[in-house]
Amino acid sequence: MPRAGLDAGSVTAAGAALADEIGFDRLSMGLLAERLGVKAPSLYKHVAGQADLSHRIGILAMTEIADAIGEATRGRAGRDALVAGADAMRTYALEHPGRYTAGNAARPGGPDDPLRAAVDRLFASWSAMLRGYRLDPDQEIHVLRLLRSTLHGFASLEATGGFRIGIDVDDSFTWVVRFIDQGLRTTRQ
């Protein structure tokens, strides 16, 4: 019989919190069971194993990032939306490093995999953020890739202490977002 209070959702949430604390690469079923005060085999009543847990954390992360960007950009357009969305992504990556890593590592399975819906939701948040720039639809995918790679790279380097030059990192981030905004405004057709 499954332990009262544990289900797939609570095990996933606990795994995500532990991944944020110790690092996604160090997360294991044994450490999670210890954190939850159960034996590792009892976790298999709720998740199929380490790969399933990691996948579920990835889905959670993609959903949370989409929600954070959507909430931050609601009612904003153009530069205001870009700044708010970029800040939301950076903040999420820094506050939830384990689950952020899981979200980037997750790969969709079959057509009904909930990860597909979570990733679609994330891209919809990004697309809504860009709407004020009135981009040609053929350019939007390029811009989405630019944003994801630039902001992901910045947040990942920041999270690992990769910026060691004595200039304020917040100032650099503001500069990067302003630079992207200027480029997007000149890209309009």
N, C-alpha and C. Protein backbone atom coordinates (compact mmCIF):
# COMPACT_ATOMS: atom_id res chain seq x y z
N MET A 1 0.85 -1.19 0.00
CA MET A 1 0.00 0.00 0.00
C MET A 1 0.88 1.24 0.00
N PRO A 2 0.62 2.23 -0.89
CA PRO A 2 1.41 3.45 -0.93
C PRO A 2 1.28 4.25 0.36
N ARG A 3 2.38 4.89 0.75
CA ARG A 3 2.40 5.71 1.96
C ARG A 3 1.43 6.88 1.81
N ALA A 4 0.68 7.13 2.87
CA ALA A 4 -0.28 8.23 2.86
C ALA A 4 0.45 9.55 2.59
N GLY A 5 -0.12 10.35 1.71
CA GLY A 5 0.46 11.65 1.40
C GLY A 5 1.41 11.63 0.22
N LEU A 6 1.85 10.46 -0.20
CA LEU A 6 2.72 10.38 -1.36
C LEU A 6 1.93 9.97 -2.58
N ASP A 7 2.21 10.66 -3.67
CA ASP A 7 1.67 10.30 -4.97
C ASP A 7 2.69 10.76 -6.00
N ALA A 8 2.43 10.54 -7.27
CA ALA A 8 3.40 10.91 -8.30
C ALA A 8 3.73 12.40 -8.24
N GLY A 9 2.71 13.22 -8.00
CA GLY A 9 2.93 14.67 -7.95
C GLY A 9 3.80 15.09 -6.78
N SER A 10 3.55 14.55 -5.60
CA SER A 10 4.35 14.94 -4.44
C SER A 10 5.77 14.39 -4.51
N VAL A 11 5.93 13.21 -5.09
CA VAL A 11 7.27 12.65 -5.27
C VAL A 11 8.05 13.51 -6.28
N THR A 12 7.37 13.92 -7.35
CA THR A 12 8.02 14.78 -8.35
C THR A 12 8.41 16.12 -7.75
N ALA A 13 7.51 16.73 -6.99
CA ALA A 13 7.80 18.02 -6.36
C ALA A 13 8.98 17.90 -5.38
N ALA A 14 9.00 16.84 -4.61
CA ALA A 14 10.11 16.63 -3.67
C ALA A 14 11.41 16.38 -4.43
N GLY A 15 11.33 15.64 -5.52
CA GLY A 15 12.52 15.40 -6.34
C GLY A 15 13.04 16.70 -6.95
N ALA A 16 12.12 17.55 -7.40
CA ALA A 16 12.51 18.84 -7.98
C ALA A 16 13.19 19.72 -6.94
N ALA A 17 12.62 19.76 -5.75
CA ALA A 17 13.21 20.57 -4.67
C ALA A 17 14.60 20.04 -4.30
N LEU A 18 14.73 18.73 -4.23
CA LEU A 18 16.03 18.14 -3.90
C LEU A 18 17.04 18.41 -5.02
N ALA A 19 16.61 18.31 -6.26
CA ALA A 19 17.50 18.60 -7.39
C ALA A 19 17.99 20.04 -7.34
N ASP A 20 17.10 20.97 -6.96
CA ASP A 20 17.50 22.36 -6.82
C ASP A 20 18.56 22.53 -5.73
N GLU A 21 18.41 21.75 -4.70
CA GLU A 21 19.29 21.85 -3.54
C GLU A 21 20.67 21.23 -3.77
N ILE A 22 20.70 20.03 -4.36
CA ILE A 22 21.97 19.28 -4.48
C ILE A 22 22.49 19.21 -5.91
N GLY A 23 21.67 19.58 -6.87
CA GLY A 23 22.06 19.47 -8.28
C GLY A 23 21.36 18.31 -8.94
N PHE A 24 20.87 18.53 -10.14
CA PHE A 24 20.13 17.50 -10.87
C PHE A 24 20.98 16.25 -11.09
N ASP A 25 22.25 16.42 -11.37
CA ASP A 25 23.11 15.27 -11.65
C ASP A 25 23.34 14.39 -10.43
N ARG A 26 23.13 14.92 -9.24
CA ARG A 26 23.32 14.14 -8.01
C ARG A 26 22.03 13.51 -7.50
N LEU A 27 20.91 13.87 -8.09
CA LEU A 27 19.61 13.34 -7.64
C LEU A 27 19.54 11.83 -7.86
N SER A 28 19.10 11.12 -6.85
CA SER A 28 18.92 9.67 -6.98
C SER A 28 17.66 9.26 -6.23
N MET A 29 17.17 8.09 -6.58
CA MET A 29 15.98 7.57 -5.90
C MET A 29 16.29 7.34 -4.42
N GLY A 30 17.50 6.90 -4.10
CA GLY A 30 17.88 6.66 -2.71
C GLY A 30 17.89 7.94 -1.89
N LEU A 31 18.48 9.00 -2.44
CA LEU A 31 18.49 10.28 -1.72
C LEU A 31 17.09 10.85 -1.56
N LEU A 32 16.27 10.71 -2.60
CA LEU A 32 14.89 11.20 -2.51
C LEU A 32 14.10 10.42 -1.47
N ALA A 33 14.27 9.10 -1.45
CA ALA A 33 13.57 8.28 -0.45
C ALA A 33 13.99 8.69 0.96
N GLU A 34 15.28 8.92 1.14
CA GLU A 34 15.77 9.36 2.44
C GLU A 34 15.12 10.69 2.84
N ARG A 35 15.05 11.61 1.89
CA ARG A 35 14.44 12.93 2.15
C ARG A 35 12.97 12.77 2.55
N LEU A 36 12.27 11.83 1.89
CA LEU A 36 10.85 11.64 2.15
C LEU A 36 10.58 10.71 3.34
N GLY A 37 11.62 10.12 3.89
CA GLY A 37 11.45 9.24 5.04
C GLY A 37 10.84 7.90 4.70
N VAL A 38 11.15 7.40 3.51
CA VAL A 38 10.65 6.10 3.07
C VAL A 38 11.83 5.29 2.52
N LYS A 39 11.58 4.02 2.26
CA LYS A 39 12.57 3.17 1.60
C LYS A 39 12.47 3.40 0.10
N ALA A 40 13.58 3.33 -0.59
CA ALA A 40 13.62 3.59 -2.03
C ALA A 40 12.60 2.75 -2.82
N PRO A 41 12.44 1.46 -2.53
CA PRO A 41 11.47 0.69 -3.31
C PRO A 41 10.04 1.23 -3.26
N SER A 42 9.69 1.92 -2.16
CA SER A 42 8.32 2.44 -2.07
C SER A 42 8.08 3.58 -3.06
N LEU A 43 9.14 4.24 -3.54
CA LEU A 43 8.97 5.31 -4.52
C LEU A 43 8.49 4.76 -5.86
N TYR A 44 8.81 3.50 -6.12
CA TYR A 44 8.44 2.89 -7.40
C TYR A 44 6.94 2.64 -7.52
N LYS A 45 6.22 2.86 -6.45
CA LYS A 45 4.76 2.79 -6.50
C LYS A 45 4.20 4.07 -7.12
N HIS A 46 5.04 5.11 -7.19
CA HIS A 46 4.59 6.42 -7.66
C HIS A 46 5.27 6.87 -8.95
N VAL A 47 6.53 6.48 -9.12
CA VAL A 47 7.26 6.77 -10.35
C VAL A 47 7.98 5.49 -10.77
N ALA A 48 8.17 5.34 -12.07
CA ALA A 48 8.72 4.08 -12.60
C ALA A 48 10.21 3.90 -12.33
N GLY A 49 10.89 4.97 -11.99
CA GLY A 49 12.32 4.87 -11.73
C GLY A 49 12.97 6.23 -11.91
N GLN A 50 14.30 6.23 -11.91
CA GLN A 50 15.06 7.47 -12.03
C GLN A 50 14.74 8.22 -13.32
N ALA A 51 14.66 7.51 -14.43
CA ALA A 51 14.39 8.18 -15.72
C ALA A 51 13.00 8.80 -15.70
N ASP A 52 12.02 8.11 -15.15
CA ASP A 52 10.66 8.65 -15.07
C ASP A 52 10.62 9.87 -14.17
N LEU A 53 11.29 9.79 -13.03
CA LEU A 53 11.35 10.94 -12.11
C LEU A 53 11.97 12.15 -12.81
N SER A 54 13.09 11.93 -13.47
CA SER A 54 13.77 13.03 -14.18
C SER A 54 12.86 13.63 -15.24
N HIS A 55 12.17 12.79 -15.97
CA HIS A 55 11.26 13.26 -17.02
C HIS A 55 10.13 14.09 -16.41
N ARG A 56 9.58 13.62 -15.31
CA ARG A 56 8.50 14.35 -14.64
C ARG A 56 8.99 15.71 -14.12
N ILE A 57 10.21 15.76 -13.62
CA ILE A 57 10.77 17.03 -13.16
C ILE A 57 10.96 17.96 -14.36
N GLY A 58 11.37 17.42 -15.49
CA GLY A 58 11.51 18.22 -16.71
C GLY A 58 10.19 18.82 -17.14
N ILE A 59 9.13 18.04 -17.08
CA ILE A 59 7.78 18.53 -17.43
C ILE A 59 7.38 19.65 -16.47
N LEU A 60 7.61 19.42 -15.18
CA LEU A 60 7.30 20.44 -14.17
C LEU A 60 8.06 21.73 -14.48
N ALA A 61 9.34 21.62 -14.78
CA ALA A 61 10.15 22.80 -15.06
C ALA A 61 9.65 23.57 -16.27
N MET A 62 9.39 22.87 -17.37
CA MET A 62 8.92 23.55 -18.58
C MET A 62 7.59 24.27 -18.32
N THR A 63 6.72 23.63 -17.56
CA THR A 63 5.43 24.24 -17.22
C THR A 63 5.63 25.47 -16.34
N GLU A 64 6.49 25.35 -15.33
CA GLU A 64 6.74 26.49 -14.44
C GLU A 64 7.39 27.65 -15.17
N ILE A 65 8.34 27.38 -16.06
CA ILE A 65 8.98 28.46 -16.81
C ILE A 65 7.96 29.15 -17.70
N ALA A 66 7.13 28.36 -18.39
CA ALA A 66 6.09 28.94 -19.25
C ALA A 66 5.17 29.83 -18.43
N ASP A 67 4.77 29.37 -17.27
CA ASP A 67 3.88 30.17 -16.41
C ASP A 67 4.57 31.44 -15.93
N ALA A 68 5.85 31.33 -15.55
CA ALA A 68 6.58 32.51 -15.07
C ALA A 68 6.72 33.56 -16.16
N ILE A 69 7.04 33.13 -17.37
CA ILE A 69 7.16 34.07 -18.49
C ILE A 69 5.80 34.65 -18.84
N GLY A 70 4.79 33.80 -18.90
CA GLY A 70 3.44 34.27 -19.22
C GLY A 70 2.93 35.30 -18.22
N GLU A 71 3.15 35.01 -16.94
CA GLU A 71 2.71 35.94 -15.90
C GLU A 71 3.48 37.26 -15.96
N ALA A 72 4.79 37.17 -16.19
CA ALA A 72 5.63 38.37 -16.22
C ALA A 72 5.31 39.27 -17.41
N THR A 73 4.90 38.67 -18.52
CA THR A 73 4.69 39.45 -19.75
C THR A 73 3.24 39.85 -19.99
N ARG A 74 2.34 39.32 -19.18
CA ARG A 74 0.91 39.61 -19.37
C ARG A 74 0.66 41.12 -19.36
N GLY A 75 0.00 41.61 -20.41
CA GLY A 75 -0.33 43.02 -20.51
C GLY A 75 0.83 43.89 -20.98
N ARG A 76 1.93 43.29 -21.37
CA ARG A 76 3.10 44.04 -21.83
C ARG A 76 3.33 43.74 -23.30
N ALA A 77 4.07 44.61 -23.95
CA ALA A 77 4.40 44.40 -25.36
C ALA A 77 5.78 44.97 -25.65
N GLY A 78 6.36 44.52 -26.75
CA GLY A 78 7.64 45.06 -27.20
C GLY A 78 8.73 44.89 -26.15
N ARG A 79 9.51 45.95 -25.99
CA ARG A 79 10.65 45.91 -25.07
C ARG A 79 10.23 45.55 -23.65
N ASP A 80 9.10 46.09 -23.19
CA ASP A 80 8.64 45.79 -21.83
C ASP A 80 8.40 44.29 -21.64
N ALA A 81 7.80 43.65 -22.65
CA ALA A 81 7.55 42.21 -22.58
C ALA A 81 8.86 41.43 -22.65
N LEU A 82 9.76 41.86 -23.52
CA LEU A 82 11.06 41.18 -23.64
C LEU A 82 11.82 41.24 -22.32
N VAL A 83 11.91 42.41 -21.73
CA VAL A 83 12.63 42.57 -20.46
C VAL A 83 11.99 41.70 -19.38
N ALA A 84 10.68 41.75 -19.26
CA ALA A 84 9.99 40.99 -18.22
C ALA A 84 10.16 39.48 -18.43
N GLY A 85 10.02 39.03 -19.67
CA GLY A 85 10.16 37.60 -19.96
C GLY A 85 11.59 37.11 -19.75
N ALA A 86 12.56 37.90 -20.20
CA ALA A 86 13.96 37.54 -20.01
C ALA A 86 14.31 37.48 -18.52
N ASP A 87 13.85 38.46 -17.76
CA ASP A 87 14.08 38.45 -16.31
C ASP A 87 13.43 37.24 -15.65
N ALA A 88 12.23 36.89 -16.10
CA ALA A 88 11.54 35.74 -15.52
C ALA A 88 12.31 34.45 -15.78
N MET A 89 12.82 34.29 -16.99
CA MET A 89 13.58 33.08 -17.31
C MET A 89 14.87 33.02 -16.50
N ARG A 90 15.57 34.12 -16.45
CA ARG A 90 16.83 34.17 -15.70
C ARG A 90 16.59 33.88 -14.22
N THR A 91 15.59 34.51 -13.66
CA THR A 91 15.26 34.30 -12.25
C THR A 91 14.93 32.84 -11.98
N TYR A 92 14.12 32.24 -12.85
CA TYR A 92 13.75 30.84 -12.67
C TYR A 92 15.00 29.95 -12.70
N ALA A 93 15.86 30.17 -13.69
CA ALA A 93 17.05 29.35 -13.83
C ALA A 93 17.96 29.46 -12.60
N LEU A 94 18.06 30.66 -12.04
CA LEU A 94 18.92 30.86 -10.88
C LEU A 94 18.29 30.34 -9.58
N GLU A 95 16.97 30.46 -9.46
CA GLU A 95 16.30 30.01 -8.24
C GLU A 95 16.02 28.51 -8.23
N HIS A 96 15.95 27.91 -9.40
CA HIS A 96 15.63 26.47 -9.52
C HIS A 96 16.62 25.77 -10.44
N PRO A 97 17.90 25.76 -10.07
CA PRO A 97 18.90 25.22 -10.99
C PRO A 97 18.73 23.74 -11.32
N GLY A 98 18.30 22.95 -10.38
CA GLY A 98 18.13 21.52 -10.63
C GLY A 98 17.01 21.23 -11.59
N ARG A 99 15.87 21.82 -11.34
CA ARG A 99 14.74 21.55 -12.25
C ARG A 99 14.95 22.23 -13.60
N TYR A 100 15.65 23.38 -13.61
CA TYR A 100 15.96 24.03 -14.89
C TYR A 100 16.83 23.09 -15.75
N THR A 101 17.81 22.46 -15.13
CA THR A 101 18.64 21.50 -15.84
C THR A 101 17.80 20.32 -16.33
N ALA A 102 16.90 19.84 -15.50
CA ALA A 102 16.03 18.72 -15.89
C ALA A 102 15.16 19.10 -17.09
N GLY A 103 14.65 20.32 -17.09
CA GLY A 103 13.82 20.77 -18.20
C GLY A 103 14.58 20.82 -19.51
N ASN A 104 15.83 21.22 -19.45
CA ASN A 104 16.65 21.29 -20.65
C ASN A 104 17.13 19.92 -21.10
N ALA A 105 17.21 18.97 -20.18
CA ALA A 105 17.67 17.62 -20.51
C ALA A 105 16.54 16.73 -21.00
N ALA A 106 15.31 17.07 -20.67
CA ALA A 106 14.17 16.20 -21.00
C ALA A 106 13.94 16.15 -22.51
N ARG A 107 13.60 14.97 -22.99
CA ARG A 107 13.28 14.76 -24.40
C ARG A 107 11.91 14.12 -24.50
N PRO A 108 11.05 14.65 -25.37
CA PRO A 108 9.70 14.09 -25.49
C PRO A 108 9.72 12.64 -25.96
N GLY A 109 8.80 11.87 -25.41
CA GLY A 109 8.61 10.49 -25.85
C GLY A 109 7.58 10.46 -26.96
N GLY A 110 6.54 9.69 -26.78
CA GLY A 110 5.51 9.54 -27.80
C GLY A 110 4.66 10.79 -27.96
N PRO A 111 3.69 10.71 -28.86
CA PRO A 111 2.86 11.88 -29.17
C PRO A 111 2.00 12.36 -28.00
N ASP A 112 1.73 11.51 -27.04
CA ASP A 112 0.90 11.89 -25.90
C ASP A 112 1.73 12.28 -24.67
N ASP A 113 3.04 12.37 -24.84
CA ASP A 113 3.91 12.73 -23.72
C ASP A 113 3.57 14.14 -23.24
N PRO A 114 3.28 14.31 -21.95
CA PRO A 114 2.96 15.64 -21.42
C PRO A 114 4.09 16.66 -21.60
N LEU A 115 5.30 16.19 -21.84
CA LEU A 115 6.40 17.13 -22.08
C LEU A 115 6.16 17.93 -23.35
N ARG A 116 5.56 17.32 -24.36
CA ARG A 116 5.26 18.04 -25.61
C ARG A 116 4.35 19.24 -25.33
N ALA A 117 3.32 19.02 -24.53
CA ALA A 117 2.39 20.11 -24.19
C ALA A 117 3.10 21.18 -23.37
N ALA A 118 3.98 20.78 -22.47
CA ALA A 118 4.71 21.76 -21.65
C ALA A 118 5.65 22.60 -22.50
N VAL A 119 6.34 21.97 -23.44
CA VAL A 119 7.25 22.71 -24.33
C VAL A 119 6.45 23.63 -25.24
N ASP A 120 5.31 23.14 -25.77
CA ASP A 120 4.45 24.00 -26.59
C ASP A 120 3.98 25.22 -25.80
N ARG A 121 3.67 25.00 -24.56
CA ARG A 121 3.22 26.09 -23.68
C ARG A 121 4.34 27.12 -23.48
N LEU A 122 5.56 26.63 -23.32
CA LEU A 122 6.70 27.52 -23.17
C LEU A 122 6.91 28.35 -24.44
N PHE A 123 6.86 27.70 -25.59
CA PHE A 123 7.05 28.44 -26.83
C PHE A 123 5.91 29.41 -27.09
N ALA A 124 4.72 29.07 -26.65
CA ALA A 124 3.59 30.00 -26.78
C ALA A 124 3.82 31.24 -25.92
N SER A 125 4.40 31.06 -24.73
CA SER A 125 4.72 32.21 -23.88
C SER A 125 5.76 33.10 -24.54
N TRP A 126 6.79 32.48 -25.12
CA TRP A 126 7.82 33.25 -25.82
C TRP A 126 7.22 33.98 -27.03
N SER A 127 6.39 33.26 -27.79
CA SER A 127 5.78 33.89 -28.98
C SER A 127 4.91 35.07 -28.59
N ALA A 128 4.15 34.93 -27.53
CA ALA A 128 3.31 36.04 -27.06
C ALA A 128 4.18 37.22 -26.64
N MET A 129 5.31 36.93 -26.03
CA MET A 129 6.22 37.98 -25.61
C MET A 129 6.75 38.75 -26.82
N LEU A 130 6.91 38.08 -27.94
CA LEU A 130 7.48 38.70 -29.14
C LEU A 130 6.44 39.37 -30.03
N ARG A 131 5.18 39.17 -29.75
CA ARG A 131 4.11 39.66 -30.63
C ARG A 131 4.23 41.16 -30.93
N GLY A 132 4.63 41.93 -29.95
CA GLY A 132 4.75 43.38 -30.13
C GLY A 132 5.80 43.79 -31.15
N TYR A 133 6.69 42.87 -31.51
CA TYR A 133 7.71 43.19 -32.50
C TYR A 133 7.22 42.99 -33.94
N ARG A 134 6.05 42.43 -34.09
CA ARG A 134 5.45 42.19 -35.42
C ARG A 134 6.44 41.54 -36.38
N LEU A 135 7.03 40.45 -35.94
CA LEU A 135 7.99 39.73 -36.76
C LEU A 135 7.30 38.97 -37.87
N ASP A 136 7.99 38.82 -38.96
CA ASP A 136 7.53 37.94 -40.03
C ASP A 136 7.49 36.53 -39.45
N PRO A 137 6.43 35.77 -39.70
CA PRO A 137 6.33 34.42 -39.12
C PRO A 137 7.53 33.53 -39.43
N ASP A 138 8.14 33.73 -40.60
CA ASP A 138 9.32 32.92 -40.94
C ASP A 138 10.52 33.27 -40.08
N GLN A 139 10.55 34.46 -39.52
CA GLN A 139 11.67 34.88 -38.67
C GLN A 139 11.48 34.47 -37.22
N GLU A 140 10.25 34.22 -36.82
CA GLU A 140 9.99 33.98 -35.40
C GLU A 140 10.78 32.81 -34.84
N ILE A 141 10.88 31.72 -35.57
CA ILE A 141 11.61 30.56 -35.06
C ILE A 141 13.09 30.91 -34.85
N HIS A 142 13.65 31.73 -35.73
CA HIS A 142 15.04 32.16 -35.57
C HIS A 142 15.19 33.01 -34.30
N VAL A 143 14.23 33.88 -34.08
CA VAL A 143 14.27 34.73 -32.89
C VAL A 143 14.09 33.89 -31.62
N LEU A 144 13.19 32.92 -31.66
CA LEU A 144 13.01 32.05 -30.49
C LEU A 144 14.31 31.31 -30.17
N ARG A 145 14.98 30.83 -31.19
CA ARG A 145 16.25 30.13 -30.98
C ARG A 145 17.32 31.09 -30.44
N LEU A 146 17.35 32.30 -30.97
CA LEU A 146 18.29 33.31 -30.48
C LEU A 146 18.05 33.59 -29.00
N LEU A 147 16.79 33.84 -28.65
CA LEU A 147 16.47 34.14 -27.25
C LEU A 147 16.82 32.98 -26.34
N ARG A 148 16.40 31.79 -26.72
CA ARG A 148 16.64 30.64 -25.86
C ARG A 148 18.13 30.41 -25.66
N SER A 149 18.89 30.43 -26.75
CA SER A 149 20.32 30.16 -26.61
C SER A 149 21.04 31.28 -25.85
N THR A 150 20.70 32.52 -26.12
CA THR A 150 21.35 33.63 -25.43
C THR A 150 21.00 33.67 -23.95
N LEU A 151 19.71 33.61 -23.65
CA LEU A 151 19.30 33.71 -22.25
C LEU A 151 19.67 32.46 -21.46
N HIS A 152 19.57 31.30 -22.09
CA HIS A 152 19.98 30.06 -21.43
C HIS A 152 21.48 30.10 -21.14
N GLY A 153 22.24 30.51 -22.14
CA GLY A 153 23.69 30.58 -21.95
C GLY A 153 24.07 31.54 -20.84
N PHE A 154 23.44 32.70 -20.84
CA PHE A 154 23.74 33.70 -19.81
C PHE A 154 23.41 33.14 -18.42
N ALA A 155 22.19 32.62 -18.27
CA ALA A 155 21.76 32.12 -16.96
C ALA A 155 22.61 30.93 -16.51
N SER A 156 22.96 30.06 -17.43
CA SER A 156 23.79 28.90 -17.08
C SER A 156 25.18 29.32 -16.63
N LEU A 157 25.78 30.25 -17.36
CA LEU A 157 27.10 30.74 -16.95
C LEU A 157 27.03 31.46 -15.60
N GLU A 158 25.99 32.25 -15.42
CA GLU A 158 25.84 32.95 -14.15
C GLU A 158 25.66 31.98 -12.99
N ALA A 159 24.85 30.95 -13.19
CA ALA A 159 24.58 29.98 -12.13
C ALA A 159 25.83 29.22 -11.71
N THR A 160 26.76 29.01 -12.63
CA THR A 160 27.97 28.26 -12.31
C THR A 160 29.16 29.16 -11.98
N GLY A 161 28.91 30.46 -11.83
CA GLY A 161 29.98 31.39 -11.48
C GLY A 161 30.90 31.69 -12.65
N GLY A 162 30.38 31.58 -13.86
CA GLY A 162 31.19 31.76 -15.05
C GLY A 162 31.55 33.19 -15.39
N PHE A 163 30.93 34.16 -14.73
CA PHE A 163 31.25 35.56 -15.00
C PHE A 163 32.15 36.07 -13.89
N ARG A 164 33.44 36.12 -14.18
CA ARG A 164 34.41 36.49 -13.14
C ARG A 164 35.02 37.87 -13.35
N ILE A 165 34.65 38.51 -14.43
CA ILE A 165 35.18 39.85 -14.68
C ILE A 165 34.44 40.82 -13.78
N GLY A 166 35.12 41.81 -13.27
CA GLY A 166 34.59 42.69 -12.24
C GLY A 166 33.55 43.71 -12.68
N ILE A 167 32.68 43.37 -13.59
CA ILE A 167 31.59 44.25 -13.99
C ILE A 167 30.30 43.60 -13.51
N ASP A 168 29.38 44.40 -13.03
CA ASP A 168 28.13 43.90 -12.48
C ASP A 168 27.37 43.03 -13.49
N VAL A 169 27.01 41.83 -13.08
CA VAL A 169 26.33 40.88 -13.96
C VAL A 169 24.94 41.41 -14.36
N ASP A 170 24.25 42.07 -13.44
CA ASP A 170 22.94 42.65 -13.77
C ASP A 170 23.07 43.68 -14.89
N ASP A 171 24.12 44.49 -14.84
CA ASP A 171 24.35 45.47 -15.90
C ASP A 171 24.57 44.77 -17.24
N SER A 172 25.33 43.69 -17.22
CA SER A 172 25.56 42.93 -18.46
C SER A 172 24.27 42.34 -18.99
N PHE A 173 23.45 41.80 -18.09
CA PHE A 173 22.19 41.20 -18.54
C PHE A 173 21.28 42.27 -19.16
N THR A 174 21.21 43.41 -18.52
CA THR A 174 20.41 44.52 -19.06
C THR A 174 20.93 44.91 -20.44
N TRP A 175 22.23 44.97 -20.60
CA TRP A 175 22.84 45.33 -21.88
C TRP A 175 22.47 44.30 -22.95
N VAL A 176 22.55 43.00 -22.60
CA VAL A 176 22.23 41.93 -23.55
C VAL A 176 20.77 42.05 -24.01
N VAL A 177 19.85 42.24 -23.07
CA VAL A 177 18.43 42.34 -23.43
C VAL A 177 18.18 43.60 -24.27
N ARG A 178 18.81 44.70 -23.93
CA ARG A 178 18.67 45.93 -24.72
C ARG A 178 19.19 45.70 -26.15
N PHE A 179 20.29 45.01 -26.27
CA PHE A 179 20.88 44.70 -27.57
C PHE A 179 19.92 43.85 -28.41
N ILE A 180 19.32 42.84 -27.78
CA ILE A 180 18.34 42.00 -28.48
C ILE A 180 17.14 42.84 -28.91
N ASP A 181 16.66 43.69 -28.03
CA ASP A 181 15.53 44.56 -28.35
C ASP A 181 15.85 45.42 -29.58
N GLN A 182 17.02 46.03 -29.59
CA GLN A 182 17.40 46.87 -30.73
C GLN A 182 17.44 46.07 -32.02
N GLY A 183 17.97 44.87 -31.94
CA GLY A 183 18.01 44.02 -33.13
C GLY A 183 16.63 43.63 -33.61
N LEU A 184 15.74 43.33 -32.67
CA LEU A 184 14.37 42.95 -33.04
C LEU A 184 13.62 44.13 -33.67
N ARG A 185 13.86 45.32 -33.16
CA ARG A 185 13.17 46.49 -33.72
C ARG A 185 13.66 46.79 -35.14
N THR A 186 14.90 46.48 -35.44
CA THR A 186 15.38 46.72 -36.81
C THR A 186 15.04 45.58 -37.76
N THR A 187 14.59 44.45 -37.19
CA THR A 187 14.22 43.29 -38.01
C THR A 187 12.80 43.39 -38.55
N ARG A 188 11.98 44.22 -37.93
CA ARG A 188 10.58 44.35 -38.37
C ARG A 188 10.50 44.65 -39.86
N GLN A 189 9.45 44.11 -40.46
CA GLN A 189 9.27 44.34 -41.89
C GLN A 189 8.14 45.29 -42.15
